[in-house]
Amino acid sequence: MKFLDVTSCQIIAYALFVHLFFLFAVCKKRNDIADVAWGLGFVLVSFVGVIHNFNIKTIIVFVLVAIW
């Protein structure tokens, strides 16, 4: 059950993050802004995972995703 809660929170956070950057990119008429948001979205998803399930595995995943 906990996995489902974390996954749904990550999906919601990612969707909001990417859509906000998409709207910002449309307003500025610059597609490169949405490209940056795509990469940062993965960092956001791994960070939400760390917040909801704080252990060494999630921290390692977050650090590796952030470095990538």
C-alpha atoms as a PDB file:
ATOM      1  CA  MET A   1       0.000   0.000   0.000  1.00  0.00           C
ATOM      2  CA  LYS A   2       2.847   2.405   0.767  1.00  0.00           C
ATOM      3  CA  PHE A   3       4.319   1.922  -2.717  1.00  0.00           C
ATOM      4  CA  LEU A   4       1.033   2.946  -4.284  1.00  0.00           C
ATOM      5  CA  ASP A   5       0.912   6.117  -2.193  1.00  0.00           C
ATOM      6  CA  VAL A   6       4.451   7.116  -3.122  1.00  0.00           C
ATOM      7  CA  THR A   7       3.878   6.373  -6.795  1.00  0.00           C
ATOM      8  CA  SER A   8       0.691   8.412  -6.962  1.00  0.00           C
ATOM      9  CA  CYS A   9       2.392  11.360  -5.236  1.00  0.00           C
ATOM     10  CA  GLN A  10       5.292  11.142  -7.662  1.00  0.00           C
ATOM     11  CA  ILE A  11       2.980  11.059 -10.676  1.00  0.00           C
ATOM     12  CA  ILE A  12       1.067  14.087  -9.446  1.00  0.00           C
ATOM     13  CA  ALA A  13       4.237  16.047  -8.632  1.00  0.00           C
ATOM     14  CA  TYR A  14       5.797  15.207 -11.990  1.00  0.00           C
ATOM     15  CA  ALA A  15       2.647  16.077 -13.942  1.00  0.00           C
ATOM     16  CA  LEU A  16       2.275  19.434 -12.209  1.00  0.00           C
ATOM     17  CA  PHE A  17       5.962  20.261 -12.601  1.00  0.00           C
ATOM     18  CA  VAL A  18       6.113  19.432 -16.301  1.00  0.00           C
ATOM     19  CA  HIS A  19       2.810  21.130 -17.102  1.00  0.00           C
ATOM     20  CA  LEU A  20       3.826  24.324 -15.315  1.00  0.00           C
ATOM     21  CA  PHE A  21       7.063  24.444 -17.263  1.00  0.00           C
ATOM     22  CA  PHE A  22       5.200  23.652 -20.468  1.00  0.00           C
ATOM     23  CA  LEU A  23       2.839  26.589 -19.923  1.00  0.00           C
ATOM     24  CA  PHE A  24       5.794  28.835 -19.110  1.00  0.00           C
ATOM     25  CA  ALA A  25       7.549  27.703 -22.297  1.00  0.00           C
ATOM     26  CA  VAL A  26       4.447  28.406 -24.375  1.00  0.00           C
ATOM     27  CA  CYS A  27       4.130  31.890 -22.894  1.00  0.00           C
ATOM     28  CA  LYS A  28       7.802  32.640 -23.568  1.00  0.00           C
ATOM     29  CA  LYS A  29       7.702  30.851 -26.963  1.00  0.00           C
ATOM     30  CA  ARG A  30      10.870  28.915 -26.106  1.00  0.00           C
ATOM     31  CA  ASN A  31      10.855  25.123 -26.355  1.00  0.00           C
ATOM     32  CA  ASP A  32      14.169  24.695 -24.581  1.00  0.00           C
ATOM     33  CA  ILE A  33      12.498  25.561 -21.261  1.00  0.00           C
ATOM     34  CA  ALA A  34      10.290  22.473 -21.513  1.00  0.00           C
ATOM     35  CA  ASP A  35      13.372  20.360 -22.299  1.00  0.00           C
ATOM     36  CA  VAL A  36      15.039  21.475 -19.076  1.00  0.00           C
ATOM     37  CA  ALA A  37      11.879  20.657 -17.119  1.00  0.00           C
ATOM     38  CA  TRP A  38      11.881  17.111 -18.465  1.00  0.00           C
ATOM     39  CA  GLY A  39      15.268  16.382 -16.889  1.00  0.00           C
ATOM     40  CA  LEU A  40      14.464  18.175 -13.647  1.00  0.00           C
ATOM     41  CA  GLY A  41      11.219  16.196 -13.437  1.00  0.00           C
ATOM     42  CA  PHE A  42      13.181  13.007 -12.809  1.00  0.00           C
ATOM     43  CA  VAL A  43      15.024  14.689  -9.949  1.00  0.00           C
ATOM     44  CA  LEU A  44      11.685  15.813  -8.512  1.00  0.00           C
ATOM     45  CA  VAL A  45      10.243  12.300  -8.687  1.00  0.00           C
ATOM     46  CA  SER A  46      13.243  10.798  -6.910  1.00  0.00           C
ATOM     47  CA  PHE A  47      13.125  13.561  -4.279  1.00  0.00           C
ATOM     48  CA  VAL A  48       9.452  12.845  -3.550  1.00  0.00           C
ATOM     49  CA  GLY A  49      10.442   9.194  -3.151  1.00  0.00           C
ATOM     50  CA  VAL A  50      13.054  10.174  -0.562  1.00  0.00           C
ATOM     51  CA  ILE A  51      10.538  12.263   1.355  1.00  0.00           C
ATOM     52  CA  HIS A  52       7.947   9.486   1.478  1.00  0.00           C
ATOM     53  CA  ASN A  53      10.308   6.569   2.041  1.00  0.00           C
ATOM     54  CA  PHE A  54      13.479   7.769   3.742  1.00  0.00           C
ATOM     55  CA  ASN A  55      16.073   4.988   3.573  1.00  0.00           C
ATOM     56  CA  ILE A  56      19.501   4.419   2.078  1.00  0.00           C
ATOM     57  CA  LYS A  57      18.175   3.027  -1.215  1.00  0.00           C
ATOM     58  CA  THR A  58      16.020   6.041  -1.998  1.00  0.00           C
ATOM     59  CA  ILE A  59      18.831   8.404  -1.050  1.00  0.00           C
ATOM     60  CA  ILE A  60      21.236   6.597  -3.388  1.00  0.00           C
ATOM     61  CA  VAL A  61      18.683   6.712  -6.207  1.00  0.00           C
ATOM     62  CA  PHE A  62      18.137  10.415  -5.637  1.00  0.00           C
ATOM     63  CA  VAL A  63      21.865  11.204  -5.657  1.00  0.00           C
ATOM     64  CA  LEU A  64      22.477   9.164  -8.803  1.00  0.00           C
ATOM     65  CA  VAL A  65      19.525  10.739 -10.633  1.00  0.00           C
ATOM     66  CA  ALA A  66      20.628  14.225  -9.571  1.00  0.00           C
ATOM     67  CA  ILE A  67      24.166  13.560 -10.841  1.00  0.00           C
ATOM     68  CA  TRP A  68      22.824  12.200 -14.112  1.00  0.00           C
END
